[in-house]
Amino acid sequence: MIPRLDVRSLAARKIYTGELSFEYEAEDALLDIPFVRFSSPVRVRLDYEIFEDNTVEAKARLSFSLAGSCSRCLGETERAFEEEAVGIFEPDGGDGETYGYRNGVVELNEFIRDSVLSALPPRLLCGECGIPDGEQE
């Protein structure tokens, strides 16, 4: 389960920065690569800051592994991925560039989902089919 930030409660206690660490099981439906699945939970470390206007900045570091058939040779493979993402949450709605929140509560689900989606490779390659320095294409 992805936690949420209760901005009102945190501000009332004068807690304007903090850190959350959690894991959750991502849905394989997020994957657009045939015969590939998440082989580990998504691990998230999130630092947040609440500003004077109640805008919240969240910086997340995500890591997860994918396993399945190599997109080239169809051999079994597993690879780890990491991503850093920044999200801005504005009270009473976002503008397409930012996320919105209502009633003093920041729901992190959409931000985390978008961050996982941006970390996904276009294909999963094994060590022999991958680029020489180990990076995905």
C-alpha atoms as a PDB file:
ATOM      1  CA  MET A   1       0.000   0.000   0.000  1.00  0.00           C
ATOM      2  CA  ILE A   2       1.252   3.435  -0.909  1.00  0.00           C
ATOM      3  CA  PRO A   3       1.064   5.867   2.039  1.00  0.00           C
ATOM      4  CA  ARG A   4      -0.244   9.397   1.840  1.00  0.00           C
ATOM      5  CA  LEU A   5       0.883  12.673   3.379  1.00  0.00           C
ATOM      6  CA  ASP A   6      -1.486  14.489   5.716  1.00  0.00           C
ATOM      7  CA  VAL A   7      -0.235  18.026   5.099  1.00  0.00           C
ATOM      8  CA  ARG A   8      -2.562  19.637   7.637  1.00  0.00           C
ATOM      9  CA  SER A   9      -1.482  17.317  10.427  1.00  0.00           C
ATOM     10  CA  LEU A  10       2.211  17.651   9.595  1.00  0.00           C
ATOM     11  CA  ALA A  11       2.023  21.466   9.400  1.00  0.00           C
ATOM     12  CA  ALA A  12       0.087  21.610  12.690  1.00  0.00           C
ATOM     13  CA  ARG A  13       2.940  19.683  14.323  1.00  0.00           C
ATOM     14  CA  LYS A  14       5.474  21.962  12.561  1.00  0.00           C
ATOM     15  CA  ILE A  15       6.928  19.054  10.605  1.00  0.00           C
ATOM     16  CA  TYR A  16       7.782  20.496   7.205  1.00  0.00           C
ATOM     17  CA  THR A  17      10.271  17.925   5.946  1.00  0.00           C
ATOM     18  CA  GLY A  18      10.478  14.196   6.270  1.00  0.00           C
ATOM     19  CA  GLU A  19      11.172  10.859   4.725  1.00  0.00           C
ATOM     20  CA  LEU A  20       9.041   7.832   3.920  1.00  0.00           C
ATOM     21  CA  SER A  21      10.278   4.378   2.967  1.00  0.00           C
ATOM     22  CA  PHE A  22       7.903   1.714   1.742  1.00  0.00           C
ATOM     23  CA  GLU A  23       7.449  -1.171  -0.679  1.00  0.00           C
ATOM     24  CA  TYR A  24       4.460  -2.144  -2.768  1.00  0.00           C
ATOM     25  CA  GLU A  25       3.583  -4.725  -5.386  1.00  0.00           C
ATOM     26  CA  ALA A  26       3.276  -3.073  -8.804  1.00  0.00           C
ATOM     27  CA  GLU A  27       0.712  -4.432 -11.219  1.00  0.00           C
ATOM     28  CA  ASP A  28       2.113  -6.382 -14.165  1.00  0.00           C
ATOM     29  CA  ALA A  29      -0.499  -4.530 -16.258  1.00  0.00           C
ATOM     30  CA  LEU A  30       1.896  -1.532 -16.192  1.00  0.00           C
ATOM     31  CA  LEU A  31       4.328  -3.510 -18.333  1.00  0.00           C
ATOM     32  CA  ASP A  32       4.171  -3.198 -22.094  1.00  0.00           C
ATOM     33  CA  ILE A  33       6.890  -5.810 -22.680  1.00  0.00           C
ATOM     34  CA  PRO A  34       5.661  -9.300 -23.614  1.00  0.00           C
ATOM     35  CA  PHE A  35       6.553 -12.190 -21.261  1.00  0.00           C
ATOM     36  CA  VAL A  36       7.975  -9.884 -18.565  1.00  0.00           C
ATOM     37  CA  ARG A  37       6.829  -9.420 -14.963  1.00  0.00           C
ATOM     38  CA  PHE A  38       7.889  -7.541 -11.847  1.00  0.00           C
ATOM     39  CA  SER A  39      10.120  -9.938  -9.899  1.00  0.00           C
ATOM     40  CA  SER A  40      10.426  -7.780  -6.794  1.00  0.00           C
ATOM     41  CA  PRO A  41       8.313  -5.230  -4.993  1.00  0.00           C
ATOM     42  CA  VAL A  42       8.900  -1.602  -5.914  1.00  0.00           C
ATOM     43  CA  ARG A  43      11.012  -0.058  -3.139  1.00  0.00           C
ATOM     44  CA  VAL A  44      10.501   3.662  -2.610  1.00  0.00           C
ATOM     45  CA  ARG A  45      12.423   6.169  -0.510  1.00  0.00           C
ATOM     46  CA  LEU A  46      10.633   9.504  -0.603  1.00  0.00           C
ATOM     47  CA  ASP A  47      11.787  12.826   0.841  1.00  0.00           C
ATOM     48  CA  TYR A  48       9.163  15.557   1.113  1.00  0.00           C
ATOM     49  CA  GLU A  49       9.093  19.241   1.928  1.00  0.00           C
ATOM     50  CA  ILE A  50       6.042  21.376   2.685  1.00  0.00           C
ATOM     51  CA  PHE A  51       6.378  25.030   1.680  1.00  0.00           C
ATOM     52  CA  GLU A  52       4.646  28.099   3.161  1.00  0.00           C
ATOM     53  CA  ASP A  53       1.909  28.050   0.492  1.00  0.00           C
ATOM     54  CA  ASN A  54       1.237  24.344   1.314  1.00  0.00           C
ATOM     55  CA  THR A  55       2.797  23.201  -1.942  1.00  0.00           C
ATOM     56  CA  VAL A  56       4.564  19.891  -1.373  1.00  0.00           C
ATOM     57  CA  GLU A  57       7.713  18.755  -3.174  1.00  0.00           C
ATOM     58  CA  ALA A  58       8.384  15.016  -3.195  1.00  0.00           C
ATOM     59  CA  LYS A  59      11.677  13.485  -4.324  1.00  0.00           C
ATOM     60  CA  ALA A  60      11.491   9.724  -4.795  1.00  0.00           C
ATOM     61  CA  ARG A  61      14.102   7.053  -5.409  1.00  0.00           C
ATOM     62  CA  LEU A  62      12.538   3.867  -6.733  1.00  0.00           C
ATOM     63  CA  SER A  63      14.076   0.473  -7.386  1.00  0.00           C
ATOM     64  CA  PHE A  64      12.593  -2.756  -8.724  1.00  0.00           C
ATOM     65  CA  SER A  65      13.486  -5.810 -10.794  1.00  0.00           C
ATOM     66  CA  LEU A  66      11.954  -7.250 -13.935  1.00  0.00           C
ATOM     67  CA  ALA A  67      12.189 -10.875 -15.003  1.00  0.00           C
ATOM     68  CA  GLY A  68      11.099 -12.726 -18.102  1.00  0.00           C
ATOM     69  CA  SER A  69      12.122 -13.423 -21.648  1.00  0.00           C
ATOM     70  CA  CYS A  70      14.841 -11.358 -23.318  1.00  0.00           C
ATOM     71  CA  SER A  71      13.226  -9.315 -26.084  1.00  0.00           C
ATOM     72  CA  ARG A  72      15.901 -10.466 -28.561  1.00  0.00           C
ATOM     73  CA  CYS A  73      16.927 -14.072 -27.804  1.00  0.00           C
ATOM     74  CA  LEU A  74      13.921 -15.067 -25.625  1.00  0.00           C
ATOM     75  CA  GLY A  75      16.259 -16.452 -22.934  1.00  0.00           C
ATOM     76  CA  GLU A  76      15.268 -15.993 -19.304  1.00  0.00           C
ATOM     77  CA  THR A  77      16.744 -12.890 -17.700  1.00  0.00           C
ATOM     78  CA  GLU A  78      16.315 -10.596 -14.734  1.00  0.00           C
ATOM     79  CA  ARG A  79      17.423  -6.966 -14.412  1.00  0.00           C
ATOM     80  CA  ALA A  80      17.287  -4.331 -11.695  1.00  0.00           C
ATOM     81  CA  PHE A  81      16.174  -0.762 -12.393  1.00  0.00           C
ATOM     82  CA  GLU A  82      16.385   2.486 -10.444  1.00  0.00           C
ATOM     83  CA  GLU A  83      14.720   5.841 -10.995  1.00  0.00           C
ATOM     84  CA  GLU A  84      14.723   9.247  -9.347  1.00  0.00           C
ATOM     85  CA  ALA A  85      11.659  11.410  -9.700  1.00  0.00           C
ATOM     86  CA  VAL A  86      10.407  14.753  -8.434  1.00  0.00           C
ATOM     87  CA  GLY A  87       6.751  15.653  -8.033  1.00  0.00           C
ATOM     88  CA  ILE A  88       5.121  18.923  -7.017  1.00  0.00           C
ATOM     89  CA  PHE A  89       1.709  18.759  -5.326  1.00  0.00           C
ATOM     90  CA  GLU A  90      -0.472  21.871  -5.194  1.00  0.00           C
ATOM     91  CA  PRO A  91      -3.543  22.356  -3.008  1.00  0.00           C
ATOM     92  CA  ASP A  92      -6.844  22.177  -4.916  1.00  0.00           C
ATOM     93  CA  GLY A  93      -5.453  20.912  -8.212  1.00  0.00           C
ATOM     94  CA  GLY A  94      -2.473  20.714 -10.500  1.00  0.00           C
ATOM     95  CA  ASP A  95      -1.849  22.220 -13.887  1.00  0.00           C
ATOM     96  CA  GLY A  96      -0.698  19.161 -15.859  1.00  0.00           C
ATOM     97  CA  GLU A  97       2.910  19.786 -14.835  1.00  0.00           C
ATOM     98  CA  THR A  98       2.091  19.299 -11.160  1.00  0.00           C
ATOM     99  CA  TYR A  99      -0.178  17.047  -9.126  1.00  0.00           C
ATOM    100  CA  GLY A 100      -3.056  18.316  -7.065  1.00  0.00           C
ATOM    101  CA  TYR A 101      -4.323  17.372  -3.649  1.00  0.00           C
ATOM    102  CA  ARG A 102      -7.504  18.049  -1.708  1.00  0.00           C
ATOM    103  CA  ASN A 103      -8.589  18.279   1.915  1.00  0.00           C
ATOM    104  CA  GLY A 104      -5.005  18.536   3.120  1.00  0.00           C
ATOM    105  CA  VAL A 105      -4.065  14.999   2.026  1.00  0.00           C
ATOM    106  CA  VAL A 106      -1.511  14.181  -0.681  1.00  0.00           C
ATOM    107  CA  GLU A 107      -2.267  10.863  -2.387  1.00  0.00           C
ATOM    108  CA  LEU A 108       1.054   9.578  -3.753  1.00  0.00           C
ATOM    109  CA  ASN A 109      -0.397   6.769  -5.928  1.00  0.00           C
ATOM    110  CA  GLU A 110      -0.430   8.606  -9.262  1.00  0.00           C
ATOM    111  CA  PHE A 111       3.040  10.110  -8.742  1.00  0.00           C
ATOM    112  CA  ILE A 112       4.581   6.740  -7.837  1.00  0.00           C
ATOM    113  CA  ARG A 113       2.809   5.007 -10.740  1.00  0.00           C
ATOM    114  CA  ASP A 114       4.033   7.670 -13.185  1.00  0.00           C
ATOM    115  CA  SER A 115       7.567   7.327 -11.788  1.00  0.00           C
ATOM    116  CA  VAL A 116       7.546   3.547 -12.273  1.00  0.00           C
ATOM    117  CA  LEU A 117       6.236   3.980 -15.816  1.00  0.00           C
ATOM    118  CA  SER A 118       9.044   6.407 -16.676  1.00  0.00           C
ATOM    119  CA  ALA A 119      11.632   3.930 -15.317  1.00  0.00           C
ATOM    120  CA  LEU A 120      10.424   1.025 -17.452  1.00  0.00           C
ATOM    121  CA  PRO A 121      12.652   0.128 -20.387  1.00  0.00           C
ATOM    122  CA  PRO A 122      11.188  -0.256 -23.896  1.00  0.00           C
ATOM    123  CA  ARG A 123      12.407  -3.896 -23.843  1.00  0.00           C
ATOM    124  CA  LEU A 124      14.117  -6.294 -21.472  1.00  0.00           C
ATOM    125  CA  LEU A 125      17.512  -7.518 -22.672  1.00  0.00           C
ATOM    126  CA  CYS A 126      19.743 -10.192 -21.188  1.00  0.00           C
ATOM    127  CA  GLY A 127      23.460  -9.616 -20.555  1.00  0.00           C
ATOM    128  CA  GLU A 128      24.477 -11.089 -23.911  1.00  0.00           C
ATOM    129  CA  CYS A 129      21.964  -9.102 -25.966  1.00  0.00           C
ATOM    130  CA  GLY A 130      22.349  -5.842 -24.021  1.00  0.00           C
ATOM    131  CA  ILE A 131      24.539  -2.863 -24.856  1.00  0.00           C
ATOM    132  CA  PRO A 132      28.218  -3.467 -23.907  1.00  0.00           C
ATOM    133  CA  ASP A 133      28.252  -1.133 -20.878  1.00  0.00           C
ATOM    134  CA  GLY A 134      25.218  -2.891 -19.404  1.00  0.00           C
ATOM    135  CA  GLU A 135      22.726  -0.091 -20.047  1.00  0.00           C
ATOM    136  CA  GLN A 136      19.349  -0.770 -21.634  1.00  0.00           C
ATOM    137  CA  GLU A 137      18.670   0.667 -25.093  1.00  0.00           C
END
